[in-house]
Amino acid sequence: MRSLFDSHRLGELTLPNRTVMAPMTRVRAAAGGLATPSMATYYAQRATAGLIVSEGVQPSPVGQSNPGTPGLHTAEQVTAWRSVTGAVHANGGRIFAQIMHGGRVSHPDTTGLRPVGPSAVPAVGDVFTPSGPRPAPTPRALETAEVPEHAHSYAAAARRAVDAGFDGVELHGANGYLISQFLSSNANLRTDRYGGPVANRIRFAVEAAAATASAVGAHRTGIRLSPAGTFWGVEETDIPELYAELLTELARLGLAYVHLEATAEEEVLVGLRRAWPGTLVMNPALPMGPKQAGRDEADHWLGLGADLIGFGRGFLANPDLVERLRTGLPIAPADESTYYQGGDAGYLTYPAYQHTA
């Protein structure tokens, strides 16, 4: 049986262990979507992860979901990210940028723009804005001719990510954001080639992945998915068929990995493992759910065929998580009140384990 501490080949990278720091929104970017010195310290502190996946990074102004998030659509943003990737590499780590287009999960108060989506169907719930939570607005449905532009925005951001020193990118195809909205059967009510049957609903995801792989190489391109997830009110029908067909198309591209969240029944996820021939990252704890993944969950999914294991809150609160998992040291809990509050408290203030004499 593979161990969490075995090395793993991922594209042109050799990961020293099978832990992945999962992407986590922390809303601590500077004005203009710029990465900061604190962000460089935060990621560098966690460079012992086999792979770090950054927080979601918007590929365009209209793609921004939350205030305070970083971007990869200007030269200034590329320059700011170089201090982050440089710090991670100096500490011996590897880092991918997660490219996240929020689609309908956005607000004009945040971006100055009306959100866009596959259809004029608002997300369920309140979205974050600079002045606090506001009801999700009705997005503008993209015209058929506009859709490729948004698919290719992932590729444009990927080029900037590589220029900024990232080792690769992960497309955020999960959790109710734009790619997930196209996969959905209730957020996507289109009757053109991007809506309706499964083959059409996966088209946007495949086009975004193909454009990105062409731009920076398939070996630098991963994608995160949340089968059966209901974030922001999305619903999906024909889930095994939908994701099996999507993975078949993605396999033809030779992507570096697929990153699955534990949003579906285990039987469904194991079936998707069999359908995907490449590296599988498994995030065994439901995002924002009650349980934080640990060694037991990791070993369980490695036994079911996962290649890499994603940890979110574990890495947030334990910069030395790999060593704690390796030696059985206690895993500190994360303070939820600091997730999005800004500043360095609850960001840079989690210590490595303090050994006592």
Protein backbone atom coordinates (compact mmCIF):
# COMPACT_ATOMS: atom_id res chain seq x y z
CA MET A 1 0.00 0.00 0.00
CA ARG A 2 1.29 3.47 -0.84
CA SER A 3 2.21 5.69 2.07
CA LEU A 4 1.36 9.35 2.59
CA PHE A 5 5.10 9.96 2.84
CA ASP A 6 6.14 8.29 -0.40
CA SER A 7 7.28 10.52 -3.24
CA HIS A 8 5.10 10.94 -6.32
CA ARG A 9 5.87 12.08 -9.85
CA LEU A 10 3.51 14.85 -11.03
CA GLY A 11 4.27 16.05 -14.54
CA GLU A 12 7.87 17.24 -14.42
CA LEU A 13 7.82 17.58 -10.61
CA THR A 14 8.81 15.01 -8.01
CA LEU A 15 6.72 15.58 -4.90
CA PRO A 16 8.55 14.47 -1.73
CA ASN A 17 5.30 13.31 -0.11
CA ARG A 18 1.66 12.83 -1.05
CA THR A 19 0.15 15.71 0.91
CA VAL A 20 -1.45 18.63 -0.92
CA MET A 21 -2.27 21.92 0.72
CA ALA A 22 -5.75 22.48 -0.63
CA PRO A 23 -6.82 25.92 -1.93
CA MET A 24 -8.38 28.11 0.75
CA THR A 25 -9.78 31.60 0.32
CA ARG A 26 -8.13 33.94 2.87
CA VAL A 27 -9.05 37.41 1.41
CA ARG A 28 -5.80 39.09 2.39
CA ALA A 29 -4.67 40.51 -0.96
CA ALA A 30 -3.80 44.18 -1.28
CA ALA A 31 -5.72 46.70 -3.37
CA GLY A 32 -5.61 45.85 -7.05
CA GLY A 33 -5.62 42.12 -6.31
CA LEU A 34 -1.93 42.13 -5.42
CA ALA A 35 -0.19 39.40 -3.43
CA THR A 36 1.54 40.68 -0.27
CA PRO A 37 4.64 39.91 1.82
CA SER A 38 2.40 38.24 4.39
CA MET A 39 1.07 35.92 1.70
CA ALA A 40 4.65 35.02 0.78
CA THR A 41 5.36 34.14 4.41
CA TYR A 42 2.11 32.17 4.76
CA TYR A 43 2.78 29.90 1.80
CA ALA A 44 6.51 29.57 2.51
CA GLN A 45 5.72 28.39 6.06
CA ARG A 46 3.87 25.44 4.51
CA ALA A 47 6.42 24.51 1.84
CA THR A 48 6.93 21.00 3.26
CA ALA A 49 3.63 20.04 1.59
CA GLY A 50 4.15 17.80 -1.40
CA LEU A 51 2.25 20.43 -3.37
CA ILE A 52 0.65 23.74 -2.40
CA VAL A 53 -2.42 24.92 -4.32
CA SER A 54 -3.00 28.62 -3.80
CA GLU A 55 -6.21 30.34 -2.86
CA GLY A 56 -8.54 31.05 -5.77
CA VAL A 57 -7.10 33.67 -8.11
CA GLN A 58 -9.42 35.57 -10.46
CA PRO A 59 -8.48 35.45 -14.16
CA SER A 60 -10.32 38.68 -15.02
CA PRO A 61 -12.08 41.57 -13.25
CA VAL A 62 -15.54 40.07 -13.87
CA GLY A 63 -14.27 36.71 -12.62
CA GLN A 64 -13.64 38.04 -9.10
CA SER A 65 -15.99 36.52 -6.55
CA ASN A 66 -14.99 37.94 -3.17
CA PRO A 67 -13.41 41.23 -2.13
CA GLY A 68 -9.79 40.98 -1.03
CA THR A 69 -8.84 38.16 -3.37
CA PRO A 70 -5.76 38.17 -5.62
CA GLY A 71 -5.74 38.24 -9.40
CA LEU A 72 -3.65 37.12 -12.36
CA HIS A 73 -4.81 39.50 -15.07
CA THR A 74 -2.37 42.43 -14.78
CA ALA A 75 1.39 42.84 -15.00
CA GLU A 76 1.43 44.25 -11.47
CA GLN A 77 -0.25 41.11 -10.13
CA VAL A 78 2.32 38.91 -11.86
CA THR A 79 5.14 40.89 -10.26
CA ALA A 80 3.54 40.68 -6.81
CA TRP A 81 3.11 36.90 -7.06
CA ARG A 82 6.83 36.41 -7.80
CA SER A 83 7.68 37.13 -4.18
CA VAL A 84 5.26 34.37 -3.12
CA THR A 85 6.50 31.71 -5.52
CA GLY A 86 10.10 32.70 -4.85
CA ALA A 87 9.62 32.27 -1.10
CA VAL A 88 7.99 28.86 -1.54
CA HIS A 89 10.76 27.67 -3.86
CA ALA A 90 13.46 29.02 -1.52
CA ASN A 91 11.96 26.82 1.20
CA GLY A 92 12.03 23.79 -1.11
CA GLY A 93 8.34 23.77 -2.01
CA ARG A 94 6.17 23.53 -5.11
CA ILE A 95 3.08 25.68 -5.75
CA PHE A 96 0.22 25.72 -8.28
CA ALA A 97 -2.13 28.70 -8.67
CA GLN A 98 -5.81 27.91 -8.46
CA ILE A 99 -7.60 29.89 -11.17
CA MET A 100 -11.12 30.71 -10.05
CA HIS A 101 -13.76 32.50 -12.10
CA GLY A 102 -16.69 33.18 -9.79
CA GLY A 103 -19.31 33.50 -12.51
CA ARG A 104 -22.64 34.32 -10.89
CA VAL A 105 -21.13 34.17 -7.38
CA SER A 106 -20.11 37.81 -7.35
CA HIS A 107 -21.56 41.29 -6.90
CA PRO A 108 -21.26 44.69 -8.62
CA ASP A 109 -20.27 46.22 -5.27
CA THR A 110 -17.14 44.06 -5.39
CA THR A 111 -16.18 44.32 -9.05
CA GLY A 112 -18.12 47.27 -10.47
CA LEU A 113 -19.46 44.81 -13.04
CA ARG A 114 -22.60 42.74 -13.41
CA PRO A 115 -21.78 39.07 -12.81
CA VAL A 116 -22.04 36.66 -15.73
CA GLY A 117 -23.13 33.06 -15.83
CA PRO A 118 -24.41 30.36 -18.13
CA SER A 119 -27.99 31.53 -17.52
CA ALA A 120 -29.80 34.40 -15.80
CA VAL A 121 -30.28 32.37 -12.61
CA PRO A 122 -28.95 33.84 -9.34
CA ALA A 123 -26.92 31.86 -6.85
CA VAL A 124 -28.65 30.84 -3.63
CA GLY A 125 -27.62 32.86 -0.58
CA ASP A 126 -25.73 36.02 0.21
CA VAL A 127 -22.40 36.83 -1.43
CA PHE A 128 -19.58 38.75 0.21
CA THR A 129 -19.14 42.42 -0.70
CA PRO A 130 -16.96 45.22 0.71
CA SER A 131 -19.93 46.38 2.80
CA GLY A 132 -20.96 42.93 4.04
CA PRO A 133 -23.14 40.07 2.80
CA ARG A 134 -25.62 40.95 0.06
CA PRO A 135 -28.17 38.78 -1.80
CA ALA A 136 -26.66 37.22 -4.89
CA PRO A 137 -27.70 39.24 -7.94
CA THR A 138 -29.11 37.80 -11.14
CA PRO A 139 -26.20 37.32 -13.54
CA ARG A 140 -26.20 38.25 -17.18
CA ALA A 141 -26.43 35.12 -19.32
CA LEU A 142 -23.41 34.85 -21.60
CA GLU A 143 -24.08 34.95 -25.32
CA THR A 144 -22.86 31.86 -27.16
CA ALA A 145 -20.14 33.86 -28.91
CA GLU A 146 -18.86 35.16 -25.54
CA VAL A 147 -18.43 31.80 -23.85
CA PRO A 148 -15.05 30.89 -25.43
CA GLU A 149 -13.60 34.20 -24.19
CA HIS A 150 -14.31 33.16 -20.61
CA ALA A 151 -13.02 29.63 -21.19
CA HIS A 152 -9.80 31.11 -22.55
CA SER A 153 -9.48 33.48 -19.58
CA TYR A 154 -8.22 30.50 -17.57
CA ALA A 155 -5.47 29.97 -20.14
CA ALA A 156 -4.46 33.63 -20.12
CA ALA A 157 -4.22 33.57 -16.33
CA ALA A 158 -2.22 30.33 -16.52
CA ARG A 159 0.36 31.99 -18.77
CA ARG A 160 0.70 34.79 -16.24
CA ALA A 161 0.93 32.24 -13.41
CA VAL A 162 3.88 30.50 -15.05
CA ASP A 163 5.46 33.91 -15.71
CA ALA A 164 4.99 34.65 -12.00
CA GLY A 165 6.90 31.50 -11.06
CA PHE A 166 4.09 29.06 -10.30
CA ASP A 167 4.85 25.43 -11.12
CA GLY A 168 1.40 24.99 -12.65
CA VAL A 169 -2.28 25.80 -12.25
CA GLU A 170 -5.46 24.20 -11.00
CA LEU A 171 -8.74 25.20 -12.64
CA HIS A 172 -11.46 25.66 -10.04
CA GLY A 173 -14.23 23.53 -11.49
CA ALA A 174 -15.94 22.97 -8.14
CA ASN A 175 -18.10 24.56 -5.45
CA GLY A 176 -20.63 26.40 -7.58
CA TYR A 177 -18.26 28.73 -9.45
CA LEU A 178 -18.30 29.26 -13.22
CA ILE A 179 -17.15 25.85 -14.47
CA SER A 180 -19.41 24.19 -11.91
CA GLN A 181 -22.29 26.40 -13.06
CA PHE A 182 -21.93 25.10 -16.61
CA LEU A 183 -21.91 21.51 -15.32
CA SER A 184 -25.06 22.19 -13.32
CA SER A 185 -28.56 21.31 -14.45
CA ASN A 186 -30.26 24.20 -12.63
CA ALA A 187 -27.73 27.03 -13.04
CA ASN A 188 -27.29 26.13 -16.72
CA LEU A 189 -30.58 26.35 -18.60
CA ARG A 190 -28.98 26.98 -21.98
CA THR A 191 -30.33 25.49 -25.19
CA ASP A 192 -27.20 26.05 -27.28
CA ARG A 193 -24.12 23.82 -27.50
CA TYR A 194 -23.16 24.64 -23.90
CA GLY A 195 -26.39 23.43 -22.26
CA GLY A 196 -28.83 20.55 -22.06
CA PRO A 197 -27.36 17.04 -22.47
CA VAL A 198 -24.22 15.93 -20.64
CA ALA A 199 -22.00 16.32 -23.72
CA ASN A 200 -22.95 20.00 -23.89
CA ARG A 201 -22.77 20.76 -20.16
CA ILE A 202 -19.17 19.51 -19.95
CA ARG A 203 -18.09 21.51 -23.01
CA PHE A 204 -17.08 24.67 -21.12
CA ALA A 205 -14.93 22.73 -18.64
CA VAL A 206 -13.22 20.83 -21.45
CA GLU A 207 -12.61 23.98 -23.49
CA ALA A 208 -11.13 25.78 -20.48
CA ALA A 209 -8.87 22.81 -19.69
CA ALA A 210 -7.83 22.35 -23.33
CA ALA A 211 -6.97 26.04 -23.71
CA THR A 212 -4.96 25.99 -20.50
CA ALA A 213 -3.10 22.82 -21.40
CA SER A 214 -2.27 24.32 -24.77
CA ALA A 215 -1.04 27.52 -23.12
CA VAL A 216 1.21 26.11 -20.40
CA GLY A 217 1.34 22.36 -20.97
CA ALA A 218 -0.95 19.60 -19.77
CA HIS A 219 1.72 18.58 -17.24
CA ARG A 220 1.17 21.94 -15.52
CA THR A 221 -2.65 21.79 -15.57
CA GLY A 222 -4.98 20.25 -12.98
CA ILE A 223 -8.67 20.70 -12.24
CA ARG A 224 -10.74 20.54 -9.06
CA LEU A 225 -14.27 19.08 -9.13
CA SER A 226 -17.07 18.61 -6.58
CA PRO A 227 -19.40 15.88 -7.92
CA ALA A 228 -22.94 16.22 -6.54
CA GLY A 229 -21.93 19.35 -4.62
CA THR A 230 -24.66 21.87 -3.89
CA PHE A 231 -22.58 24.96 -3.11
CA TRP A 232 -24.35 28.24 -3.91
CA GLY A 233 -27.46 26.31 -4.90
CA VAL A 234 -26.10 24.34 -7.86
CA GLU A 235 -27.67 20.98 -8.62
CA GLU A 236 -26.46 18.27 -10.99
CA THR A 237 -28.33 15.45 -12.70
CA ASP A 238 -26.85 12.26 -14.17
CA ILE A 239 -23.86 12.62 -11.85
CA PRO A 240 -21.98 9.36 -12.62
CA GLU A 241 -22.53 9.87 -16.36
CA LEU A 242 -21.70 13.59 -16.20
CA TYR A 243 -18.37 13.12 -14.45
CA ALA A 244 -17.38 9.92 -16.22
CA GLU A 245 -17.82 11.66 -19.57
CA LEU A 246 -16.00 14.75 -18.32
CA LEU A 247 -13.07 12.67 -17.05
CA THR A 248 -12.92 10.79 -20.35
CA GLU A 249 -12.54 14.06 -22.23
CA LEU A 250 -10.02 15.44 -19.73
CA ALA A 251 -7.99 12.23 -19.96
CA ARG A 252 -7.53 12.86 -23.68
CA LEU A 253 -5.80 16.10 -22.74
CA GLY A 254 -3.31 14.36 -20.42
CA LEU A 255 -3.85 16.73 -17.50
CA ALA A 256 -1.50 16.56 -14.53
CA TYR A 257 -4.27 15.67 -12.10
CA VAL A 258 -7.91 15.72 -11.13
CA HIS A 259 -8.70 16.95 -7.60
CA LEU A 260 -11.96 15.58 -6.20
CA GLU A 261 -13.86 16.77 -3.15
CA ALA A 262 -15.77 14.35 -0.95
CA THR A 263 -19.11 15.76 -2.05
CA ALA A 264 -20.58 12.52 -3.44
CA GLU A 265 -21.09 9.06 -2.02
CA GLU A 266 -17.89 7.07 -1.69
CA GLU A 267 -19.10 4.54 -4.24
CA VAL A 268 -19.47 7.31 -6.85
CA LEU A 269 -16.03 8.71 -6.07
CA VAL A 270 -14.39 5.30 -6.28
CA GLY A 271 -16.05 4.84 -9.67
CA LEU A 272 -14.54 8.13 -10.80
CA ARG A 273 -11.13 6.96 -9.59
CA ARG A 274 -11.51 3.99 -11.95
CA ALA A 275 -12.58 6.31 -14.78
CA TRP A 276 -9.56 8.62 -14.40
CA PRO A 277 -6.22 7.14 -15.56
CA GLY A 278 -3.99 9.89 -14.21
CA THR A 279 -3.01 11.30 -10.83
CA LEU A 280 -5.97 11.71 -8.49
CA VAL A 281 -5.93 14.16 -5.59
CA MET A 282 -8.61 13.33 -3.05
CA ASN A 283 -9.84 15.89 -0.54
CA PRO A 284 -11.46 13.57 2.04
CA ALA A 285 -13.17 16.22 4.19
CA LEU A 286 -16.17 18.17 2.94
CA PRO A 287 -15.18 21.83 2.49
CA MET A 288 -16.52 23.86 5.43
CA GLY A 289 -17.94 20.62 6.84
CA PRO A 290 -17.77 19.54 10.48
CA LYS A 291 -14.84 17.12 10.17
CA GLN A 292 -11.18 17.95 9.57
CA ALA A 293 -9.25 15.31 7.65
CA GLY A 294 -6.36 13.54 9.34
CA ARG A 295 -4.09 10.54 8.89
CA ASP A 296 -6.91 7.97 9.08
CA GLU A 297 -8.87 9.61 6.24
CA ALA A 298 -5.70 9.96 4.20
CA ASP A 299 -4.77 6.31 4.57
CA HIS A 300 -8.33 5.26 3.76
CA TRP A 301 -8.33 7.10 0.44
CA LEU A 302 -4.80 6.03 -0.46
CA GLY A 303 -6.08 2.48 0.00
CA LEU A 304 -8.97 3.25 -2.38
CA GLY A 305 -6.60 4.37 -5.10
CA ALA A 306 -6.03 8.09 -4.55
CA ASP A 307 -2.49 9.22 -5.33
CA LEU A 308 -2.39 12.46 -3.33
CA ILE A 309 -4.43 13.71 -0.36
CA GLY A 310 -5.64 17.29 0.03
CA PHE A 311 -5.72 18.92 3.45
CA GLY A 312 -7.30 22.34 3.97
CA ARG A 313 -7.86 23.34 7.58
CA GLY A 314 -5.04 21.01 8.66
CA PHE A 315 -2.49 23.07 6.75
CA LEU A 316 -4.16 26.35 7.70
CA ALA A 317 -3.59 25.75 11.43
CA ASN A 318 -0.46 23.58 11.22
CA PRO A 319 2.34 24.91 9.02
CA ASP A 320 4.28 21.75 9.92
CA LEU A 321 1.36 19.44 9.14
CA VAL A 322 3.50 16.93 7.23
CA GLU A 323 5.75 16.36 10.26
CA ARG A 324 2.77 16.14 12.61
CA LEU A 325 1.15 13.51 10.41
CA ARG A 326 4.43 11.63 10.06
CA THR A 327 5.12 11.46 13.80
CA GLY A 328 1.59 11.34 15.19
CA LEU A 329 1.77 14.74 16.88
CA PRO A 330 -1.49 16.53 17.76
CA ILE A 331 -3.17 18.44 14.93
CA ALA A 332 -4.16 21.94 16.05
CA PRO A 333 -7.69 23.11 15.18
CA ALA A 334 -8.28 26.13 12.96
CA ASP A 335 -9.95 29.25 14.36
CA GLU A 336 -12.89 29.88 12.01
CA SER A 337 -13.27 33.47 13.19
CA THR A 338 -9.95 34.35 11.52
CA TYR A 339 -10.58 32.76 8.12
CA TYR A 340 -11.55 35.97 6.37
CA GLN A 341 -10.85 38.72 8.90
CA GLY A 342 -7.65 40.00 7.27
CA GLY A 343 -4.39 40.76 9.02
CA ASP A 344 -1.75 38.33 10.22
CA ALA A 345 -3.63 36.94 13.25
CA GLY A 346 -4.86 33.47 12.43
CA TYR A 347 -2.74 33.62 9.29
CA LEU A 348 0.93 33.78 10.23
CA THR A 349 0.49 33.12 13.94
CA TYR A 350 -0.04 29.35 13.95
CA PRO A 351 3.23 27.89 15.28
CA ALA A 352 5.05 24.70 14.48
CA TYR A 353 4.71 22.07 17.21
CA GLN A 354 6.54 23.10 20.36
CA HIS A 355 8.53 20.15 21.74
CA THR A 356 9.13 20.23 25.47
CA ALA A 357 12.09 18.76 27.28
